[in-house]
Amino acid sequence: MKHELKMWPSFFQVAWVGKKTFEIRLNDRDFKVWDEIILLEFDPKCIEGAEYSGREIEGTITYITDYEQKPGYVVFAYDQTYRRE
């Protein structure tokens, strides 16, 4: 399964440089280990309206848990496999 996920610029930049390798998300997509993810930099405050920057991070979910999360949420770790500017 492949999931495309929006990320706000402040969170995306930290992931871009490799310091943030996890996501906390509502599990409305039934995330599973080995699923592929595409993180898309998205700015909802853009003057011209919400838009994508074009930067993307592709990766693979390597670990997932719902421990100590709000109901319906999960934390998953991922490995980056590709970055696109």
C-alpha atoms as a PDB file:
ATOM      1  CA  MET A   1       0.000   0.000   0.000  1.00  0.00           C
ATOM      2  CA  LYS A   2       1.243   3.528  -0.758  1.00  0.00           C
ATOM      3  CA  HIS A   3       0.108   6.555   1.271  1.00  0.00           C
ATOM      4  CA  GLU A   4       0.503  10.215   0.248  1.00  0.00           C
ATOM      5  CA  LEU A   5       0.593  12.433   3.325  1.00  0.00           C
ATOM      6  CA  LYS A   6       0.678  16.226   3.642  1.00  0.00           C
ATOM      7  CA  MET A   7       3.210  17.796   6.021  1.00  0.00           C
ATOM      8  CA  TRP A   8       3.449  21.413   7.106  1.00  0.00           C
ATOM      9  CA  PRO A   9       6.797  23.063   6.270  1.00  0.00           C
ATOM     10  CA  SER A  10       8.158  23.234   9.845  1.00  0.00           C
ATOM     11  CA  PHE A  11       7.730  19.470  10.317  1.00  0.00           C
ATOM     12  CA  PHE A  12       8.774  18.657   6.750  1.00  0.00           C
ATOM     13  CA  GLN A  13      12.113  20.486   7.034  1.00  0.00           C
ATOM     14  CA  VAL A  14      13.144  18.487  10.105  1.00  0.00           C
ATOM     15  CA  ALA A  15      12.218  15.259   8.295  1.00  0.00           C
ATOM     16  CA  TRP A  16      14.048  16.475   5.157  1.00  0.00           C
ATOM     17  CA  VAL A  17      17.363  16.690   7.022  1.00  0.00           C
ATOM     18  CA  GLY A  18      16.793  13.286   8.653  1.00  0.00           C
ATOM     19  CA  LYS A  19      16.236  14.418  12.253  1.00  0.00           C
ATOM     20  CA  LYS A  20      12.559  13.377  12.342  1.00  0.00           C
ATOM     21  CA  THR A  21      11.995   9.774  11.274  1.00  0.00           C
ATOM     22  CA  PHE A  22       8.527   9.189  12.700  1.00  0.00           C
ATOM     23  CA  GLU A  23       4.964  10.389  12.228  1.00  0.00           C
ATOM     24  CA  ILE A  24       2.002  10.572  14.595  1.00  0.00           C
ATOM     25  CA  ARG A  25      -1.141  10.174  12.508  1.00  0.00           C
ATOM     26  CA  LEU A  26      -4.808   9.340  12.699  1.00  0.00           C
ATOM     27  CA  ASN A  27      -4.915   5.724  11.543  1.00  0.00           C
ATOM     28  CA  ASP A  28      -7.671   6.359   9.005  1.00  0.00           C
ATOM     29  CA  ARG A  29      -5.609   4.587   6.322  1.00  0.00           C
ATOM     30  CA  ASP A  30      -4.861   1.370   8.233  1.00  0.00           C
ATOM     31  CA  PHE A  31      -1.085   1.917   8.163  1.00  0.00           C
ATOM     32  CA  LYS A  32       1.014  -1.258   8.204  1.00  0.00           C
ATOM     33  CA  VAL A  33       4.723  -2.065   8.473  1.00  0.00           C
ATOM     34  CA  TRP A  34       6.285  -2.127   4.973  1.00  0.00           C
ATOM     35  CA  ASP A  35       3.683   0.283   3.557  1.00  0.00           C
ATOM     36  CA  GLU A  36       5.243   2.986   1.406  1.00  0.00           C
ATOM     37  CA  ILE A  37       4.748   6.651   2.264  1.00  0.00           C
ATOM     38  CA  ILE A  38       5.182   9.839   0.293  1.00  0.00           C
ATOM     39  CA  LEU A  39       5.458  12.934   2.472  1.00  0.00           C
ATOM     40  CA  LEU A  40       4.471  16.089   0.582  1.00  0.00           C
ATOM     41  CA  GLU A  41       5.477  19.536   1.834  1.00  0.00           C
ATOM     42  CA  PHE A  42       2.223  21.502   2.059  1.00  0.00           C
ATOM     43  CA  ASP A  43       1.758  25.095   3.194  1.00  0.00           C
ATOM     44  CA  PRO A  44      -1.818  25.845   4.280  1.00  0.00           C
ATOM     45  CA  LYS A  45      -0.893  29.503   4.963  1.00  0.00           C
ATOM     46  CA  CYS A  46       0.427  30.324   1.505  1.00  0.00           C
ATOM     47  CA  ILE A  47      -0.720  33.756   0.278  1.00  0.00           C
ATOM     48  CA  GLU A  48      -2.090  32.270  -2.962  1.00  0.00           C
ATOM     49  CA  GLY A  49      -3.944  29.586  -1.035  1.00  0.00           C
ATOM     50  CA  ALA A  50      -2.857  26.183   0.205  1.00  0.00           C
ATOM     51  CA  GLU A  51      -0.288  24.615  -2.078  1.00  0.00           C
ATOM     52  CA  TYR A  52       2.511  22.080  -2.359  1.00  0.00           C
ATOM     53  CA  SER A  53       6.169  23.126  -2.583  1.00  0.00           C
ATOM     54  CA  GLY A  54       7.110  20.197  -4.827  1.00  0.00           C
ATOM     55  CA  ARG A  55       9.475  18.696  -2.245  1.00  0.00           C
ATOM     56  CA  GLU A  56       8.720  15.070  -1.398  1.00  0.00           C
ATOM     57  CA  ILE A  57      10.176  12.366   0.815  1.00  0.00           C
ATOM     58  CA  GLU A  58       9.533   8.742  -0.024  1.00  0.00           C
ATOM     59  CA  GLY A  59       9.973   6.064   2.585  1.00  0.00           C
ATOM     60  CA  THR A  60       8.887   2.760   4.060  1.00  0.00           C
ATOM     61  CA  ILE A  61       7.156   2.249   7.405  1.00  0.00           C
ATOM     62  CA  THR A  62       9.450   0.129   9.598  1.00  0.00           C
ATOM     63  CA  TYR A  63       7.631   0.167  12.954  1.00  0.00           C
ATOM     64  CA  ILE A  64       4.156   1.100  14.176  1.00  0.00           C
ATOM     65  CA  THR A  65       2.502   1.410  17.598  1.00  0.00           C
ATOM     66  CA  ASP A  66      -0.529   2.972  19.238  1.00  0.00           C
ATOM     67  CA  TYR A  67       1.014   2.922  22.729  1.00  0.00           C
ATOM     68  CA  GLU A  68      -0.051   5.972  24.804  1.00  0.00           C
ATOM     69  CA  GLN A  69      -1.750   7.606  21.797  1.00  0.00           C
ATOM     70  CA  LYS A  70      -5.164   9.215  21.552  1.00  0.00           C
ATOM     71  CA  PRO A  71      -7.821   6.743  20.378  1.00  0.00           C
ATOM     72  CA  GLY A  72      -7.438   6.005  16.675  1.00  0.00           C
ATOM     73  CA  TYR A  73      -3.897   7.436  16.410  1.00  0.00           C
ATOM     74  CA  VAL A  74      -0.605   5.638  15.737  1.00  0.00           C
ATOM     75  CA  VAL A  75       3.057   6.462  15.710  1.00  0.00           C
ATOM     76  CA  PHE A  76       5.111   4.993  12.904  1.00  0.00           C
ATOM     77  CA  ALA A  77       8.821   5.054  12.192  1.00  0.00           C
ATOM     78  CA  TYR A  78      10.040   5.154   8.607  1.00  0.00           C
ATOM     79  CA  ASP A  79      13.222   4.924   6.566  1.00  0.00           C
ATOM     80  CA  GLN A  80      13.722   7.488   3.833  1.00  0.00           C
ATOM     81  CA  THR A  81      14.340   5.897   0.460  1.00  0.00           C
ATOM     82  CA  TYR A  82      14.202   8.958  -1.808  1.00  0.00           C
ATOM     83  CA  ARG A  83      13.939  12.762  -1.671  1.00  0.00           C
ATOM     84  CA  ARG A  84      12.758  14.976  -4.511  1.00  0.00           C
ATOM     85  CA  GLU A  85      13.045  18.785  -4.729  1.00  0.00           C
END
